Amino acid sequence: MKLVFVLIGFVLAIPTFAQSGEEAAVKATVNRLFEGMQKADSTILKPLFTPTARLQTVANKQGDISVRDDAISLFINSIGKATAGTLDERLASIEVKIDAELATAWTPYVFYRNDTKSHCGVNAFTLVKMNGSWKIQTIIDTRRKENCPDLPKK
């Protein structure tokens, strides 16, 4: 009888194990993006995105809310023009949700430029699993200058 319960527990746990592997793969894609930013290496960034990827920012100018929308190619090019080590986006955490080939990642961050705190906010990533790997479809973020915690360098 104990064996039956062990087998039932194992079968019920299989989706949890599979999910954790997919969650790790999503986190790896997100972390690779920030590694590419820190290294100022656009060749790291390019394969992380879908062909139609977008970068958006929620702007709040004295209560007037808008969304700025940029092609991901502009973002990748700007990273490639930076100097290695000058851009450091530190994550407080990564919360991942997955359903089939769709994933989201919520990442509170603090952005440092030349080791000086610049701003903070949250990134919301949408990722799609294509040809066996997680690709970033959209990044939308918030940015503010106040109430930014200090996050240690990794």
C-alpha atoms as a PDB file:
ATOM      1  CA  MET A   1       0.000   0.000   0.000  1.00  0.00           C
ATOM      2  CA  LYS A   2       2.864   2.379   0.799  1.00  0.00           C
ATOM      3  CA  LEU A   3       4.271   1.736  -2.677  1.00  0.00           C
ATOM      4  CA  VAL A   4       0.970   2.850  -4.249  1.00  0.00           C
ATOM      5  CA  PHE A   5       1.099   6.159  -2.367  1.00  0.00           C
ATOM      6  CA  VAL A   6       4.737   6.680  -3.316  1.00  0.00           C
ATOM      7  CA  LEU A   7       3.936   6.033  -6.990  1.00  0.00           C
ATOM      8  CA  ILE A   8       0.923   8.377  -6.897  1.00  0.00           C
ATOM      9  CA  GLY A   9       3.062  11.068  -5.272  1.00  0.00           C
ATOM     10  CA  PHE A  10       5.753  10.631  -7.910  1.00  0.00           C
ATOM     11  CA  VAL A  11       3.263  10.863 -10.797  1.00  0.00           C
ATOM     12  CA  LEU A  12       1.700  13.994  -9.308  1.00  0.00           C
ATOM     13  CA  ALA A  13       5.144  15.564  -8.848  1.00  0.00           C
ATOM     14  CA  ILE A  14       6.251  15.083 -12.475  1.00  0.00           C
ATOM     15  CA  PRO A  15       4.607  18.332 -13.715  1.00  0.00           C
ATOM     16  CA  THR A  16       6.323  20.211 -10.882  1.00  0.00           C
ATOM     17  CA  PHE A  17       9.725  18.879 -11.915  1.00  0.00           C
ATOM     18  CA  ALA A  18       9.059  19.701 -15.575  1.00  0.00           C
ATOM     19  CA  GLN A  19       7.870  23.182 -14.671  1.00  0.00           C
ATOM     20  CA  SER A  20      10.974  23.869 -12.628  1.00  0.00           C
ATOM     21  CA  GLY A  21      13.170  22.975 -15.627  1.00  0.00           C
ATOM     22  CA  GLU A  22      11.204  25.326 -17.871  1.00  0.00           C
ATOM     23  CA  GLU A  23      11.282  28.025 -15.191  1.00  0.00           C
ATOM     24  CA  ALA A  24      15.061  27.684 -15.015  1.00  0.00           C
ATOM     25  CA  ALA A  25      15.267  28.006 -18.814  1.00  0.00           C
ATOM     26  CA  VAL A  26      13.161  31.202 -18.765  1.00  0.00           C
ATOM     27  CA  LYS A  27      15.342  32.645 -15.989  1.00  0.00           C
ATOM     28  CA  ALA A  28      18.463  31.719 -17.967  1.00  0.00           C
ATOM     29  CA  THR A  29      17.200  33.712 -20.971  1.00  0.00           C
ATOM     30  CA  VAL A  30      16.429  36.745 -18.803  1.00  0.00           C
ATOM     31  CA  ASN A  31      19.777  36.524 -17.002  1.00  0.00           C
ATOM     32  CA  ARG A  32      21.600  36.171 -20.326  1.00  0.00           C
ATOM     33  CA  LEU A  33      20.075  39.481 -21.431  1.00  0.00           C
ATOM     34  CA  PHE A  34      21.525  41.267 -18.411  1.00  0.00           C
ATOM     35  CA  GLU A  35      24.868  39.527 -18.897  1.00  0.00           C
ATOM     36  CA  GLY A  36      24.948  40.853 -22.472  1.00  0.00           C
ATOM     37  CA  MET A  37      24.117  44.346 -21.229  1.00  0.00           C
ATOM     38  CA  GLN A  38      26.897  44.262 -18.652  1.00  0.00           C
ATOM     39  CA  LYS A  39      29.392  43.004 -21.233  1.00  0.00           C
ATOM     40  CA  ALA A  40      28.072  45.521 -23.814  1.00  0.00           C
ATOM     41  CA  ASP A  41      27.898  42.593 -26.244  1.00  0.00           C
ATOM     42  CA  SER A  42      25.106  42.820 -28.797  1.00  0.00           C
ATOM     43  CA  THR A  43      25.986  39.354 -30.142  1.00  0.00           C
ATOM     44  CA  ILE A  44      24.796  37.876 -26.836  1.00  0.00           C
ATOM     45  CA  LEU A  45      21.517  39.799 -27.082  1.00  0.00           C
ATOM     46  CA  LYS A  46      20.439  39.172 -30.679  1.00  0.00           C
ATOM     47  CA  PRO A  47      19.548  35.455 -30.375  1.00  0.00           C
ATOM     48  CA  LEU A  48      17.481  36.077 -27.215  1.00  0.00           C
ATOM     49  CA  PHE A  49      14.653  37.864 -29.056  1.00  0.00           C
ATOM     50  CA  THR A  50      11.889  36.894 -31.465  1.00  0.00           C
ATOM     51  CA  PRO A  51      11.982  38.624 -34.873  1.00  0.00           C
ATOM     52  CA  THR A  52       9.066  40.892 -33.853  1.00  0.00           C
ATOM     53  CA  ALA A  53      10.253  41.722 -30.317  1.00  0.00           C
ATOM     54  CA  ARG A  54       9.445  45.133 -28.805  1.00  0.00           C
ATOM     55  CA  LEU A  55      10.750  47.196 -25.923  1.00  0.00           C
ATOM     56  CA  GLN A  56       8.262  49.419 -24.128  1.00  0.00           C
ATOM     57  CA  THR A  57       8.514  51.824 -21.227  1.00  0.00           C
ATOM     58  CA  VAL A  58       5.675  53.152 -19.096  1.00  0.00           C
ATOM     59  CA  ALA A  59       6.393  56.847 -18.620  1.00  0.00           C
ATOM     60  CA  ASN A  60       4.866  58.972 -15.888  1.00  0.00           C
ATOM     61  CA  LYS A  61       5.569  62.659 -16.444  1.00  0.00           C
ATOM     62  CA  GLN A  62       3.843  64.485 -13.606  1.00  0.00           C
ATOM     63  CA  GLY A  63       0.842  62.160 -13.717  1.00  0.00           C
ATOM     64  CA  ASP A  64       0.608  62.069 -17.520  1.00  0.00           C
ATOM     65  CA  ILE A  65       0.994  58.345 -18.304  1.00  0.00           C
ATOM     66  CA  SER A  66       2.177  57.149 -21.697  1.00  0.00           C
ATOM     67  CA  VAL A  67       3.896  54.114 -23.216  1.00  0.00           C
ATOM     68  CA  ARG A  68       7.023  54.560 -25.308  1.00  0.00           C
ATOM     69  CA  ASP A  69       7.494  51.781 -27.870  1.00  0.00           C
ATOM     70  CA  ASP A  70      10.857  50.993 -29.477  1.00  0.00           C
ATOM     71  CA  ALA A  71      12.098  48.351 -31.870  1.00  0.00           C
ATOM     72  CA  ILE A  72      14.337  45.873 -30.098  1.00  0.00           C
ATOM     73  CA  SER A  73      17.054  46.524 -32.711  1.00  0.00           C
ATOM     74  CA  LEU A  74      17.516  50.058 -31.331  1.00  0.00           C
ATOM     75  CA  PHE A  75      18.008  48.654 -27.841  1.00  0.00           C
ATOM     76  CA  ILE A  76      20.486  46.016 -29.039  1.00  0.00           C
ATOM     77  CA  ASN A  77      22.460  48.601 -31.032  1.00  0.00           C
ATOM     78  CA  SER A  78      22.646  50.960 -28.045  1.00  0.00           C
ATOM     79  CA  ILE A  79      23.990  48.160 -25.850  1.00  0.00           C
ATOM     80  CA  GLY A  80      26.617  47.336 -28.477  1.00  0.00           C
ATOM     81  CA  LYS A  81      27.841  50.943 -28.394  1.00  0.00           C
ATOM     82  CA  ALA A  82      28.272  50.983 -24.611  1.00  0.00           C
ATOM     83  CA  THR A  83      31.517  50.239 -22.813  1.00  0.00           C
ATOM     84  CA  ALA A  84      31.698  46.890 -21.036  1.00  0.00           C
ATOM     85  CA  GLY A  85      30.967  47.195 -17.330  1.00  0.00           C
ATOM     86  CA  THR A  86      29.195  50.548 -17.513  1.00  0.00           C
ATOM     87  CA  LEU A  87      25.628  49.157 -17.603  1.00  0.00           C
ATOM     88  CA  ASP A  88      24.593  47.032 -14.638  1.00  0.00           C
ATOM     89  CA  GLU A  89      20.936  46.145 -14.159  1.00  0.00           C
ATOM     90  CA  ARG A  90      20.639  44.271 -10.867  1.00  0.00           C
ATOM     91  CA  LEU A  91      17.569  42.161 -10.219  1.00  0.00           C
ATOM     92  CA  ALA A  92      15.929  41.863  -6.826  1.00  0.00           C
ATOM     93  CA  SER A  93      14.112  38.692  -7.943  1.00  0.00           C
ATOM     94  CA  ILE A  94      12.576  36.883 -10.916  1.00  0.00           C
ATOM     95  CA  GLU A  95       9.012  35.583 -10.711  1.00  0.00           C
ATOM     96  CA  VAL A  96       8.135  33.266 -13.606  1.00  0.00           C
ATOM     97  CA  LYS A  97       4.726  32.035 -14.798  1.00  0.00           C
ATOM     98  CA  ILE A  98       4.439  29.494 -17.626  1.00  0.00           C
ATOM     99  CA  ASP A  99       1.601  28.056 -19.701  1.00  0.00           C
ATOM    100  CA  ALA A 100       2.630  25.833 -22.602  1.00  0.00           C
ATOM    101  CA  GLU A 101       4.805  27.980 -24.928  1.00  0.00           C
ATOM    102  CA  LEU A 102       4.076  31.286 -23.150  1.00  0.00           C
ATOM    103  CA  ALA A 103       5.972  32.622 -20.141  1.00  0.00           C
ATOM    104  CA  THR A 104       6.119  35.850 -18.194  1.00  0.00           C
ATOM    105  CA  ALA A 105       8.907  37.027 -15.927  1.00  0.00           C
ATOM    106  CA  TRP A 106       8.484  39.867 -13.407  1.00  0.00           C
ATOM    107  CA  THR A 107      11.810  41.371 -12.366  1.00  0.00           C
ATOM    108  CA  PRO A 108      12.136  44.294  -9.937  1.00  0.00           C
ATOM    109  CA  TYR A 109      15.474  45.963 -10.714  1.00  0.00           C
ATOM    110  CA  VAL A 110      17.899  48.748  -9.907  1.00  0.00           C
ATOM    111  CA  PHE A 111      19.936  50.109 -12.808  1.00  0.00           C
ATOM    112  CA  TYR A 112      23.502  51.310 -12.245  1.00  0.00           C
ATOM    113  CA  ARG A 113      25.569  53.243 -14.772  1.00  0.00           C
ATOM    114  CA  ASN A 114      29.302  53.360 -14.015  1.00  0.00           C
ATOM    115  CA  ASP A 115      28.566  51.931 -10.528  1.00  0.00           C
ATOM    116  CA  THR A 116      26.221  54.859  -9.762  1.00  0.00           C
ATOM    117  CA  LYS A 117      22.548  54.174  -9.145  1.00  0.00           C
ATOM    118  CA  SER A 118      20.541  55.659 -12.010  1.00  0.00           C
ATOM    119  CA  HIS A 119      16.947  54.440 -11.590  1.00  0.00           C
ATOM    120  CA  CYS A 120      14.799  51.480 -10.632  1.00  0.00           C
ATOM    121  CA  GLY A 121      11.483  49.863 -11.448  1.00  0.00           C
ATOM    122  CA  VAL A 122      10.095  46.587 -12.739  1.00  0.00           C
ATOM    123  CA  ASN A 123      10.589  44.728 -16.022  1.00  0.00           C
ATOM    124  CA  ALA A 124       7.739  42.564 -17.270  1.00  0.00           C
ATOM    125  CA  PHE A 125       8.973  40.074 -19.866  1.00  0.00           C
ATOM    126  CA  THR A 126       6.821  38.039 -22.225  1.00  0.00           C
ATOM    127  CA  LEU A 127       8.643  35.040 -23.650  1.00  0.00           C
ATOM    128  CA  VAL A 128       7.655  32.453 -26.261  1.00  0.00           C
ATOM    129  CA  LYS A 129       9.174  28.996 -26.597  1.00  0.00           C
ATOM    130  CA  MET A 130      10.309  28.675 -30.212  1.00  0.00           C
ATOM    131  CA  ASN A 131      12.269  25.747 -31.622  1.00  0.00           C
ATOM    132  CA  GLY A 132      12.992  24.502 -28.115  1.00  0.00           C
ATOM    133  CA  SER A 133      14.268  27.735 -26.569  1.00  0.00           C
ATOM    134  CA  TRP A 134      12.683  30.664 -24.773  1.00  0.00           C
ATOM    135  CA  LYS A 135      12.773  33.917 -26.770  1.00  0.00           C
ATOM    136  CA  ILE A 136      11.835  37.365 -25.505  1.00  0.00           C
ATOM    137  CA  GLN A 137       8.823  38.839 -27.325  1.00  0.00           C
ATOM    138  CA  THR A 138       8.305  41.972 -25.241  1.00  0.00           C
ATOM    139  CA  ILE A 139       9.869  43.827 -22.384  1.00  0.00           C
ATOM    140  CA  ILE A 140       7.840  46.566 -20.761  1.00  0.00           C
ATOM    141  CA  ASP A 141       9.284  48.425 -17.818  1.00  0.00           C
ATOM    142  CA  THR A 142       8.717  51.175 -15.329  1.00  0.00           C
ATOM    143  CA  ARG A 143      11.418  53.656 -14.350  1.00  0.00           C
ATOM    144  CA  ARG A 144      11.700  55.956 -11.383  1.00  0.00           C
ATOM    145  CA  LYS A 145      14.488  57.817  -9.614  1.00  0.00           C
ATOM    146  CA  GLU A 146      13.143  57.757  -6.051  1.00  0.00           C
ATOM    147  CA  ASN A 147      12.748  54.954  -3.499  1.00  0.00           C
ATOM    148  CA  CYS A 148      15.316  52.738  -5.221  1.00  0.00           C
ATOM    149  CA  PRO A 149      16.864  50.146  -2.910  1.00  0.00           C
ATOM    150  CA  ASP A 150      20.572  49.351  -2.932  1.00  0.00           C
ATOM    151  CA  LEU A 151      21.222  45.999  -4.581  1.00  0.00           C
ATOM    152  CA  PRO A 152      24.621  44.290  -4.299  1.00  0.00           C
ATOM    153  CA  LYS A 153      26.770  43.531  -7.317  1.00  0.00           C
ATOM    154  CA  LYS A 154      26.696  39.905  -8.393  1.00  0.00           C
END
